[in-house]
Amino acid sequence: TRIQIDVTYVRNNNPRELSVTGLANGKPVNLVKRTPVKAFAGNKVEFQLDALEKIEAVHVTVFPDGGINRVHVFGIIE
């Protein structure tokens, strides 16, 4: 239902942008389009998801590169 990206401790090295892709029924699903996150340096950024399918895995891509502490994925367990 939502994804939270934590960049709290990488203030000078967090990514400028990121995107999140999921895997649903063996096919890639775009969960978060390429989004600027540099303004959230030293904080957490959260995205609400509209995915209606069961997501099996997530992949975070950062642009150009940079550090993230944690990726929290929240959902409903069947």
PDB file of N, CA and C in Angstrom:
ATOM      1  N   THR A   1       0.810  -1.201   0.000  1.00  0.00           N
ATOM      2  CA  THR A   1       0.000   0.000   0.000  1.00  0.00           C
ATOM      3  C   THR A   1       0.855   1.268   0.000  1.00  0.00           C
ATOM      4  N   ARG A   2       2.084   1.154   0.555  1.00  0.00           N
ATOM      5  CA  ARG A   2       2.992   2.309   0.527  1.00  0.00           C
ATOM      6  C   ARG A   2       4.444   1.848   0.653  1.00  0.00           C
ATOM      7  N   ILE A   3       5.341   2.722   0.201  1.00  0.00           N
ATOM      8  CA  ILE A   3       6.787   2.480   0.282  1.00  0.00           C
ATOM      9  C   ILE A   3       7.422   3.692   0.931  1.00  0.00           C
ATOM     10  N   GLN A   4       8.313   3.443   1.876  1.00  0.00           N
ATOM     11  CA  GLN A   4       9.028   4.519   2.560  1.00  0.00           C
ATOM     12  C   GLN A   4      10.525   4.313   2.329  1.00  0.00           C
ATOM     13  N   ILE A   5      11.193   5.348   1.831  1.00  0.00           N
ATOM     14  CA  ILE A   5      12.640   5.320   1.587  1.00  0.00           C
ATOM     15  C   ILE A   5      13.294   6.202   2.649  1.00  0.00           C
ATOM     16  N   ASP A   6      14.238   5.629   3.373  1.00  0.00           N
ATOM     17  CA  ASP A   6      14.920   6.326   4.469  1.00  0.00           C
ATOM     18  C   ASP A   6      16.306   6.749   3.999  1.00  0.00           C
ATOM     19  N   VAL A   7      16.568   8.057   3.990  1.00  0.00           N
ATOM     20  CA  VAL A   7      17.892   8.588   3.627  1.00  0.00           C
ATOM     21  C   VAL A   7      18.455   9.433   4.767  1.00  0.00           C
ATOM     22  N   THR A   8      18.052   9.103   5.994  1.00  0.00           N
ATOM     23  CA  THR A   8      18.381   9.918   7.159  1.00  0.00           C
ATOM     24  C   THR A   8      19.873  10.146   7.353  1.00  0.00           C
ATOM     25  N   TYR A   9      20.690   9.130   7.200  1.00  0.00           N
ATOM     26  CA  TYR A   9      22.108   9.249   7.538  1.00  0.00           C
ATOM     27  C   TYR A   9      23.023   9.423   6.346  1.00  0.00           C
ATOM     28  N   VAL A  10      22.485   9.722   5.184  1.00  0.00           N
ATOM     29  CA  VAL A  10      23.320   9.948   4.005  1.00  0.00           C
ATOM     30  C   VAL A  10      23.045  11.344   3.438  1.00  0.00           C
ATOM     31  N   ARG A  11      23.097  12.331   4.298  1.00  0.00           N
ATOM     32  CA  ARG A  11      22.726  13.703   3.930  1.00  0.00           C
ATOM     33  C   ARG A  11      23.496  14.245   2.740  1.00  0.00           C
ATOM     34  N   ASN A  12      24.750  13.920   2.615  1.00  0.00           N
ATOM     35  CA  ASN A  12      25.551  14.462   1.518  1.00  0.00           C
ATOM     36  C   ASN A  12      25.695  13.480   0.372  1.00  0.00           C
ATOM     37  N   ASN A  13      25.054  12.326   0.452  1.00  0.00           N
ATOM     38  CA  ASN A  13      25.222  11.335  -0.597  1.00  0.00           C
ATOM     39  C   ASN A  13      23.907  10.644  -0.958  1.00  0.00           C
ATOM     40  N   ASN A  14      22.774  11.288  -0.690  1.00  0.00           N
ATOM     41  CA  ASN A  14      21.540  10.643  -1.106  1.00  0.00           C
ATOM     42  C   ASN A  14      21.308  10.866  -2.600  1.00  0.00           C
ATOM     43  N   PRO A  15      20.510  10.018  -3.238  1.00  0.00           N
ATOM     44  CA  PRO A  15      20.287  10.173  -4.677  1.00  0.00           C
ATOM     45  C   PRO A  15      19.496  11.436  -5.001  1.00  0.00           C
ATOM     46  N   ARG A  16      19.640  11.889  -6.237  1.00  0.00           N
ATOM     47  CA  ARG A  16      18.869  13.046  -6.708  1.00  0.00           C
ATOM     48  C   ARG A  16      17.450  12.620  -7.064  1.00  0.00           C
ATOM     49  N   GLU A  17      17.319  11.435  -7.671  1.00  0.00           N
ATOM     50  CA  GLU A  17      16.019  10.902  -8.066  1.00  0.00           C
ATOM     51  C   GLU A  17      15.999   9.404  -7.820  1.00  0.00           C
ATOM     52  N   LEU A  18      14.796   8.835  -7.750  1.00  0.00           N
ATOM     53  CA  LEU A  18      14.685   7.387  -7.653  1.00  0.00           C
ATOM     54  C   LEU A  18      13.397   6.921  -8.300  1.00  0.00           C
ATOM     55  N   SER A  19      13.355   5.633  -8.607  1.00  0.00           N
ATOM     56  CA  SER A  19      12.142   4.992  -9.110  1.00  0.00           C
ATOM     57  C   SER A  19      12.056   3.617  -8.462  1.00  0.00           C
ATOM     58  N   VAL A  20      10.834   3.073  -8.388  1.00  0.00           N
ATOM     59  CA  VAL A  20      10.619   1.764  -7.791  1.00  0.00           C
ATOM     60  C   VAL A  20       9.785   0.928  -8.749  1.00  0.00           C
ATOM     61  N   THR A  21      10.272  -0.266  -9.028  1.00  0.00           N
ATOM     62  CA  THR A  21       9.588  -1.217  -9.888  1.00  0.00           C
ATOM     63  C   THR A  21       9.251  -2.445  -9.062  1.00  0.00           C
ATOM     64  N   GLY A  22       8.094  -3.023  -9.309  1.00  0.00           N
ATOM     65  CA  GLY A  22       7.691  -4.234  -8.613  1.00  0.00           C
ATOM     66  C   GLY A  22       7.567  -5.388  -9.585  1.00  0.00           C
ATOM     67  N   LEU A  23       7.428  -6.582  -9.045  1.00  0.00           N
ATOM     68  CA  LEU A  23       7.241  -7.778  -9.851  1.00  0.00           C
ATOM     69  C   LEU A  23       5.893  -8.379  -9.464  1.00  0.00           C
ATOM     70  N   ALA A  24       4.978  -8.439 -10.421  1.00  0.00           N
ATOM     71  CA  ALA A  24       3.641  -8.986 -10.183  1.00  0.00           C
ATOM     72  C   ALA A  24       3.344 -10.028 -11.257  1.00  0.00           C
ATOM     73  N   ASN A  25       3.106 -11.249 -10.837  1.00  0.00           N
ATOM     74  CA  ASN A  25       2.847 -12.358 -11.770  1.00  0.00           C
ATOM     75  C   ASN A  25       3.967 -12.519 -12.789  1.00  0.00           C
ATOM     76  N   GLY A  26       5.204 -12.289 -12.359  1.00  0.00           N
ATOM     77  CA  GLY A  26       6.359 -12.450 -13.230  1.00  0.00           C
ATOM     78  C   GLY A  26       6.584 -11.314 -14.203  1.00  0.00           C
ATOM     79  N   LYS A  27       5.812 -10.239 -14.105  1.00  0.00           N
ATOM     80  CA  LYS A  27       5.948  -9.106 -15.011  1.00  0.00           C
ATOM     81  C   LYS A  27       6.283  -7.843 -14.220  1.00  0.00           C
ATOM     82  N   PRO A  28       7.148  -6.977 -14.768  1.00  0.00           N
ATOM     83  CA  PRO A  28       7.487  -5.734 -14.063  1.00  0.00           C
ATOM     84  C   PRO A  28       6.318  -4.753 -14.049  1.00  0.00           C
ATOM     85  N   VAL A  29       6.148  -4.092 -12.906  1.00  0.00           N
ATOM     86  CA  VAL A  29       5.094  -3.098 -12.720  1.00  0.00           C
ATOM     87  C   VAL A  29       5.739  -1.836 -12.158  1.00  0.00           C
ATOM     88  N   ASN A  30       5.469  -0.704 -12.781  1.00  0.00           N
ATOM     89  CA  ASN A  30       6.022   0.560 -12.302  1.00  0.00           C
ATOM     90  C   ASN A  30       5.235   1.009 -11.071  1.00  0.00           C
ATOM     91  N   LEU A  31       5.886   1.058  -9.900  1.00  0.00           N
ATOM     92  CA  LEU A  31       5.222   1.459  -8.660  1.00  0.00           C
ATOM     93  C   LEU A  31       5.411   2.942  -8.370  1.00  0.00           C
ATOM     94  N   VAL A  32       6.638   3.433  -8.570  1.00  0.00           N
ATOM     95  CA  VAL A  32       6.943   4.856  -8.366  1.00  0.00           C
ATOM     96  C   VAL A  32       7.745   5.318  -9.574  1.00  0.00           C
ATOM     97  N   LYS A  33       7.188   6.261 -10.326  1.00  0.00           N
ATOM     98  CA  LYS A  33       7.928   6.774 -11.478  1.00  0.00           C
ATOM     99  C   LYS A  33       9.149   7.554 -10.998  1.00  0.00           C
ATOM    100  N   ARG A  34      10.046   7.849 -11.892  1.00  0.00           N
ATOM    101  CA  ARG A  34      11.272   8.586 -11.545  1.00  0.00           C
ATOM    102  C   ARG A  34      10.895   9.918 -10.892  1.00  0.00           C
ATOM    103  N   THR A  35      11.296  10.066  -9.617  1.00  0.00           N
ATOM    104  CA  THR A  35      10.858  11.184  -8.795  1.00  0.00           C
ATOM    105  C   THR A  35      12.047  11.851  -8.105  1.00  0.00           C
ATOM    106  N   PRO A  36      12.128  13.171  -8.096  1.00  0.00           N
ATOM    107  CA  PRO A  36      13.201  13.858  -7.369  1.00  0.00           C
ATOM    108  C   PRO A  36      13.063  13.650  -5.862  1.00  0.00           C
ATOM    109  N   VAL A  37      14.169  13.331  -5.188  1.00  0.00           N
ATOM    110  CA  VAL A  37      14.158  13.133  -3.736  1.00  0.00           C
ATOM    111  C   VAL A  37      15.285  13.882  -3.030  1.00  0.00           C
ATOM    112  N   LYS A  38      16.075  14.648  -3.765  1.00  0.00           N
ATOM    113  CA  LYS A  38      17.198  15.352  -3.164  1.00  0.00           C
ATOM    114  C   LYS A  38      16.747  16.294  -2.050  1.00  0.00           C
ATOM    115  N   ALA A  39      15.569  16.854  -2.180  1.00  0.00           N
ATOM    116  CA  ALA A  39      15.073  17.792  -1.166  1.00  0.00           C
ATOM    117  C   ALA A  39      14.801  17.106   0.169  1.00  0.00           C
ATOM    118  N   PHE A  40      14.708  15.778   0.183  1.00  0.00           N
ATOM    119  CA  PHE A  40      14.429  15.036   1.408  1.00  0.00           C
ATOM    120  C   PHE A  40      15.703  14.556   2.102  1.00  0.00           C
ATOM    121  N   ALA A  41      16.859  15.104   1.729  1.00  0.00           N
ATOM    122  CA  ALA A  41      18.117  14.704   2.353  1.00  0.00           C
ATOM    123  C   ALA A  41      18.005  14.829   3.864  1.00  0.00           C
ATOM    124  N   GLY A  42      18.385  13.786   4.557  1.00  0.00           N
ATOM    125  CA  GLY A  42      18.319  13.793   6.006  1.00  0.00           C
ATOM    126  C   GLY A  42      16.958  13.403   6.549  1.00  0.00           C
ATOM    127  N   ASN A  43      16.070  12.911   5.705  1.00  0.00           N
ATOM    128  CA  ASN A  43      14.718  12.560   6.114  1.00  0.00           C
ATOM    129  C   ASN A  43      14.275  11.243   5.478  1.00  0.00           C
ATOM    130  N   LYS A  44      12.972  11.045   5.481  1.00  0.00           N
ATOM    131  CA  LYS A  44      12.346   9.896   4.839  1.00  0.00           C
ATOM    132  C   LYS A  44      11.346  10.431   3.826  1.00  0.00           C
ATOM    133  N   VAL A  45      11.189   9.709   2.729  1.00  0.00           N
ATOM    134  CA  VAL A  45      10.187  10.075   1.730  1.00  0.00           C
ATOM    135  C   VAL A  45       9.251   8.880   1.576  1.00  0.00           C
ATOM    136  N   GLU A  46       7.961   9.163   1.465  1.00  0.00           N
ATOM    137  CA  GLU A  46       6.967   8.092   1.435  1.00  0.00           C
ATOM    138  C   GLU A  46       6.090   8.221   0.195  1.00  0.00           C
ATOM    139  N   PHE A  47       5.772   7.074  -0.400  1.00  0.00           N
ATOM    140  CA  PHE A  47       4.940   7.031  -1.595  1.00  0.00           C
ATOM    141  C   PHE A  47       3.742   6.122  -1.343  1.00  0.00           C
ATOM    142  N   GLN A  48       2.541   6.591  -1.663  1.00  0.00           N
ATOM    143  CA  GLN A  48       1.336   5.768  -1.602  1.00  0.00           C
ATOM    144  C   GLN A  48       1.222   5.013  -2.924  1.00  0.00           C
ATOM    145  N   LEU A  49       0.889   3.732  -2.855  1.00  0.00           N
ATOM    146  CA  LEU A  49       0.816   2.905  -4.054  1.00  0.00           C
ATOM    147  C   LEU A  49      -0.627   2.665  -4.465  1.00  0.00           C
ATOM    148  N   ASP A  50      -0.836   2.590  -5.758  1.00  0.00           N
ATOM    149  CA  ASP A  50      -2.151   2.296  -6.311  1.00  0.00           C
ATOM    150  C   ASP A  50      -2.200   0.898  -6.909  1.00  0.00           C
ATOM    151  N   ALA A  51      -1.214   0.078  -6.617  1.00  0.00           N
ATOM    152  CA  ALA A  51      -1.124  -1.257  -7.214  1.00  0.00           C
ATOM    153  C   ALA A  51      -2.286  -2.124  -6.738  1.00  0.00           C
ATOM    154  N   LEU A  52      -2.936  -2.745  -7.665  1.00  0.00           N
ATOM    155  CA  LEU A  52      -4.051  -3.620  -7.344  1.00  0.00           C
ATOM    156  C   LEU A  52      -3.632  -5.084  -7.358  1.00  0.00           C
ATOM    157  N   GLU A  53      -2.451  -5.350  -7.877  1.00  0.00           N
ATOM    158  CA  GLU A  53      -1.962  -6.713  -7.982  1.00  0.00           C
ATOM    159  C   GLU A  53      -1.080  -7.063  -6.789  1.00  0.00           C
ATOM    160  N   LYS A  54      -0.892  -8.340  -6.570  1.00  0.00           N
ATOM    161  CA  LYS A  54       0.017  -8.802  -5.522  1.00  0.00           C
ATOM    162  C   LYS A  54       1.454  -8.598  -6.015  1.00  0.00           C
ATOM    163  N   ILE A  55       2.232  -7.856  -5.251  1.00  0.00           N
ATOM    164  CA  ILE A  55       3.618  -7.561  -5.611  1.00  0.00           C
ATOM    165  C   ILE A  55       4.519  -8.569  -4.909  1.00  0.00           C
ATOM    166  N   GLU A  56       5.359  -9.235  -5.692  1.00  0.00           N
ATOM    167  CA  GLU A  56       6.228 -10.291  -5.176  1.00  0.00           C
ATOM    168  C   GLU A  56       7.607  -9.787  -4.780  1.00  0.00           C
ATOM    169  N   ALA A  57       8.065  -8.724  -5.426  1.00  0.00           N
ATOM    170  CA  ALA A  57       9.402  -8.184  -5.166  1.00  0.00           C
ATOM    171  C   ALA A  57       9.424  -6.722  -5.590  1.00  0.00           C
ATOM    172  N   VAL A  58      10.353  -5.966  -5.024  1.00  0.00           N
ATOM    173  CA  VAL A  58      10.525  -4.567  -5.427  1.00  0.00           C
ATOM    174  C   VAL A  58      11.992  -4.315  -5.775  1.00  0.00           C
ATOM    175  N   HIS A  59      12.194  -3.370  -6.679  1.00  0.00           N
ATOM    176  CA  HIS A  59      13.534  -2.981  -7.101  1.00  0.00           C
ATOM    177  C   HIS A  59      13.597  -1.460  -7.096  1.00  0.00           C
ATOM    178  N   VAL A  60      14.532  -0.894  -6.336  1.00  0.00           N
ATOM    179  CA  VAL A  60      14.708   0.550  -6.257  1.00  0.00           C
ATOM    180  C   VAL A  60      15.901   0.929  -7.133  1.00  0.00           C
ATOM    181  N   THR A  61      15.692   1.893  -8.017  1.00  0.00           N
ATOM    182  CA  THR A  61      16.762   2.412  -8.863  1.00  0.00           C
ATOM    183  C   THR A  61      17.010   3.856  -8.471  1.00  0.00           C
ATOM    184  N   VAL A  62      18.277   4.209  -8.218  1.00  0.00           N
ATOM    185  CA  VAL A  62      18.620   5.575  -7.840  1.00  0.00           C
ATOM    186  C   VAL A  62      19.391   6.236  -8.968  1.00  0.00           C
ATOM    187  N   PHE A  63      19.181   7.540  -9.145  1.00  0.00           N
ATOM    188  CA  PHE A  63      19.815   8.309 -10.211  1.00  0.00           C
ATOM    189  C   PHE A  63      20.510   9.518  -9.602  1.00  0.00           C
ATOM    190  N   PRO A  64      21.733   9.868  -9.914  1.00  0.00           N
ATOM    191  CA  PRO A  64      22.678   9.026 -10.635  1.00  0.00           C
ATOM    192  C   PRO A  64      23.126   7.855  -9.775  1.00  0.00           C
ATOM    193  N   ASP A  65      23.556   8.109  -8.569  1.00  0.00           N
ATOM    194  CA  ASP A  65      23.802   7.071  -7.574  1.00  0.00           C
ATOM    195  C   ASP A  65      23.822   7.774  -6.227  1.00  0.00           C
ATOM    196  N   GLY A  66      23.771   7.017  -5.186  1.00  0.00           N
ATOM    197  CA  GLY A  66      23.737   7.614  -3.859  1.00  0.00           C
ATOM    198  C   GLY A  66      23.258   6.592  -2.863  1.00  0.00           C
ATOM    199  N   GLY A  67      23.286   6.974  -1.610  1.00  0.00           N
ATOM    200  CA  GLY A  67      22.956   6.021  -0.569  1.00  0.00           C
ATOM    201  C   GLY A  67      21.532   6.141  -0.074  1.00  0.00           C
ATOM    202  N   ILE A  68      20.984   5.006   0.300  1.00  0.00           N
ATOM    203  CA  ILE A  68      19.719   4.959   1.017  1.00  0.00           C
ATOM    204  C   ILE A  68      19.917   4.011   2.188  1.00  0.00           C
ATOM    205  N   ASN A  69      19.295   4.307   3.312  1.00  0.00           N
ATOM    206  CA  ASN A  69      19.453   3.466   4.502  1.00  0.00           C
ATOM    207  C   ASN A  69      18.563   2.244   4.452  1.00  0.00           C
ATOM    208  N   ARG A  70      17.288   2.485   4.301  1.00  0.00           N
ATOM    209  CA  ARG A  70      16.320   1.394   4.352  1.00  0.00           C
ATOM    210  C   ARG A  70      15.201   1.640   3.360  1.00  0.00           C
ATOM    211  N   VAL A  71      14.618   0.544   2.912  1.00  0.00           N
ATOM    212  CA  VAL A  71      13.414   0.581   2.100  1.00  0.00           C
ATOM    213  C   VAL A  71      12.348  -0.177   2.880  1.00  0.00           C
ATOM    214  N   HIS A  72      11.308   0.518   3.283  1.00  0.00           N
ATOM    215  CA  HIS A  72      10.206  -0.108   4.008  1.00  0.00           C
ATOM    216  C   HIS A  72       9.040  -0.267   3.035  1.00  0.00           C
ATOM    217  N   VAL A  73       8.554  -1.497   2.899  1.00  0.00           N
ATOM    218  CA  VAL A  73       7.424  -1.779   2.016  1.00  0.00           C
ATOM    219  C   VAL A  73       6.268  -2.243   2.901  1.00  0.00           C
ATOM    220  N   PHE A  74       5.170  -1.517   2.844  1.00  0.00           N
ATOM    221  CA  PHE A  74       3.995  -1.840   3.656  1.00  0.00           C
ATOM    222  C   PHE A  74       2.896  -2.357   2.748  1.00  0.00           C
ATOM    223  N   GLY A  75       2.232  -3.409   3.174  1.00  0.00           N
ATOM    224  CA  GLY A  75       1.154  -3.957   2.369  1.00  0.00           C
ATOM    225  C   GLY A  75       0.213  -4.785   3.200  1.00  0.00           C
ATOM    226  N   ILE A  76      -0.695  -5.443   2.526  1.00  0.00           N
ATOM    227  CA  ILE A  76      -1.672  -6.298   3.169  1.00  0.00           C
ATOM    228  C   ILE A  76      -1.280  -7.743   2.877  1.00  0.00           C
ATOM    229  N   ILE A  77      -1.169  -8.541   3.906  1.00  0.00           N
ATOM    230  CA  ILE A  77      -0.807  -9.946   3.735  1.00  0.00           C
ATOM    231  C   ILE A  77      -2.085 -10.753   3.607  1.00  0.00           C
ATOM    232  N   GLU A  78      -2.122 -11.579   2.581  1.00  0.00           N
ATOM    233  CA  GLU A  78      -3.312 -12.406   2.360  1.00  0.00           C
ATOM    234  C   GLU A  78      -3.255 -13.661   3.187  1.00  0.00           C
TER     235      GLU A  78
END
